[in-house]
Amino acid sequence: MADTSDTRTPAQIEADIRRRREKLAETLDEIGVRVHPRTIVGDAKAKVVANVDHTLGKTYVQVNRVVSDVKAQFVDEEGAPRLERVVPVALVVVGLVGLLALGTRRRKD
């Protein structure tokens, strides 16, 4: 069996106790910082900002994809407008604007 008796000097034991107290004080300081209301609120804000940034990033990518898909419907690969699609849509838009203008004009009379 191994001898388990402590062969350290009193000065070594005191130095060890002092190191352990300092480490414990650091740990308690860290815990105090972590549970401080400002830290908790700051962490919560950081999480919200990260979630919003992530959501906005995903939304941007989705909107960009939709815009690209719609653009592909009206513009060919070379960038020229597809008149067979642009003209009917333009006519519908002009018609709707005309109807809205007539409706507004009739309400005023």
Protein backbone atom coordinates (compact mmCIF):
# COMPACT_ATOMS: atom_id res chain seq x y z
CA MET A 1 0.00 0.00 0.00
CA ALA A 2 1.07 3.51 -0.72
CA ASP A 3 1.74 5.90 2.11
CA THR A 4 -1.05 8.56 2.10
CA SER A 5 0.51 10.83 4.70
CA ASP A 6 1.01 14.45 3.65
CA THR A 7 4.71 15.21 3.26
CA ARG A 8 4.22 18.89 2.48
CA THR A 9 5.56 21.56 4.73
CA PRO A 10 3.22 23.98 6.51
CA ALA A 11 4.36 26.74 4.14
CA GLN A 12 3.44 24.59 1.13
CA ILE A 13 0.04 23.82 2.65
CA GLU A 14 -0.56 27.53 3.32
CA ALA A 15 0.47 28.40 -0.25
CA ASP A 16 -1.93 25.75 -1.58
CA ILE A 17 -4.75 27.11 0.59
CA ARG A 18 -4.00 30.64 -0.63
CA ARG A 19 -4.08 29.51 -4.30
CA ARG A 20 -7.36 27.69 -3.74
CA ARG A 21 -8.90 30.75 -2.07
CA GLU A 22 -7.82 32.94 -5.00
CA LYS A 23 -9.27 30.45 -7.48
CA LEU A 24 -12.51 30.26 -5.46
CA ALA A 25 -12.70 34.08 -5.39
CA GLU A 26 -12.27 34.20 -9.19
CA THR A 27 -14.97 31.57 -9.62
CA LEU A 28 -17.35 33.47 -7.35
CA ASP A 29 -16.64 36.70 -9.26
CA GLU A 30 -17.42 34.93 -12.54
CA ILE A 31 -20.67 33.57 -11.12
CA GLY A 32 -21.56 37.04 -9.85
CA VAL A 33 -21.03 38.51 -13.31
CA ARG A 34 -23.05 35.75 -14.99
CA VAL A 35 -26.08 36.13 -12.71
CA HIS A 36 -25.99 39.93 -12.64
CA PRO A 37 -29.20 41.36 -14.18
CA ARG A 38 -27.26 43.46 -16.69
CA THR A 39 -25.43 40.37 -17.93
CA ILE A 40 -28.65 38.40 -18.20
CA VAL A 41 -30.38 41.24 -20.09
CA GLY A 42 -27.34 41.71 -22.32
CA ASP A 43 -27.25 37.99 -23.14
CA ALA A 44 -30.97 38.02 -23.89
CA LYS A 45 -30.58 41.05 -26.17
CA ALA A 46 -27.69 39.39 -27.97
CA LYS A 47 -29.77 36.25 -28.55
CA VAL A 48 -32.69 38.30 -29.87
CA VAL A 49 -30.42 40.28 -32.20
CA ALA A 50 -28.84 37.05 -33.45
CA ASN A 51 -32.27 35.52 -34.07
CA VAL A 52 -33.50 38.65 -35.86
CA ASP A 53 -30.34 38.77 -37.98
CA HIS A 54 -30.77 35.09 -38.84
CA THR A 55 -34.45 35.57 -39.68
CA LEU A 56 -33.75 38.67 -41.78
CA GLY A 57 -30.98 36.83 -43.58
CA LYS A 58 -33.26 33.93 -44.41
CA THR A 59 -36.01 36.33 -45.48
CA TYR A 60 -33.60 38.24 -47.71
CA VAL A 61 -32.50 35.01 -49.39
CA GLN A 62 -36.12 33.94 -49.94
CA VAL A 63 -37.17 37.33 -51.31
CA ASN A 64 -34.12 37.42 -53.56
CA ARG A 65 -35.02 33.96 -54.86
CA VAL A 66 -38.63 35.03 -55.58
CA VAL A 67 -37.47 38.20 -57.34
CA SER A 68 -35.05 36.17 -59.44
CA ASP A 69 -37.79 33.70 -60.34
CA VAL A 70 -40.19 36.50 -61.34
CA LYS A 71 -37.45 38.26 -63.29
CA ALA A 72 -36.71 35.00 -65.12
CA GLN A 73 -40.35 34.95 -66.26
CA PHE A 74 -40.04 38.36 -67.94
CA VAL A 75 -36.39 38.45 -69.05
CA ASP A 76 -34.52 35.82 -71.04
CA GLU A 77 -31.04 34.50 -70.26
CA GLU A 78 -29.43 37.29 -72.29
CA GLY A 79 -31.30 40.02 -70.40
CA ALA A 80 -33.72 40.88 -73.19
CA PRO A 81 -37.38 41.33 -72.19
CA ARG A 82 -39.79 38.53 -73.12
CA LEU A 83 -42.38 40.63 -74.93
CA GLU A 84 -44.87 37.75 -75.11
CA ARG A 85 -45.06 37.96 -71.31
CA VAL A 86 -44.38 41.64 -70.66
CA VAL A 87 -47.05 43.07 -73.00
CA PRO A 88 -50.05 41.16 -71.52
CA VAL A 89 -49.01 42.01 -67.96
CA ALA A 90 -48.52 45.67 -68.90
CA LEU A 91 -51.98 45.76 -70.48
CA VAL A 92 -53.56 44.26 -67.35
CA VAL A 93 -51.75 46.79 -65.13
CA VAL A 94 -52.83 49.72 -67.34
CA GLY A 95 -56.41 48.42 -67.29
CA LEU A 96 -56.43 48.11 -63.49
CA VAL A 97 -55.00 51.59 -63.04
CA GLY A 98 -57.65 52.93 -65.43
CA LEU A 99 -60.44 51.20 -63.50
CA LEU A 100 -59.12 52.56 -60.21
CA ALA A 101 -58.92 56.05 -61.68
CA LEU A 102 -62.53 55.82 -62.93
CA GLY A 103 -63.71 54.51 -59.58
CA THR A 104 -62.03 57.35 -57.75
CA ARG A 105 -63.41 59.91 -60.19
CA ARG A 106 -66.97 58.60 -59.78
CA ARG A 107 -66.75 58.81 -55.99
CA LYS A 108 -65.75 62.46 -56.14
CA ASP A 109 -68.74 63.39 -58.39
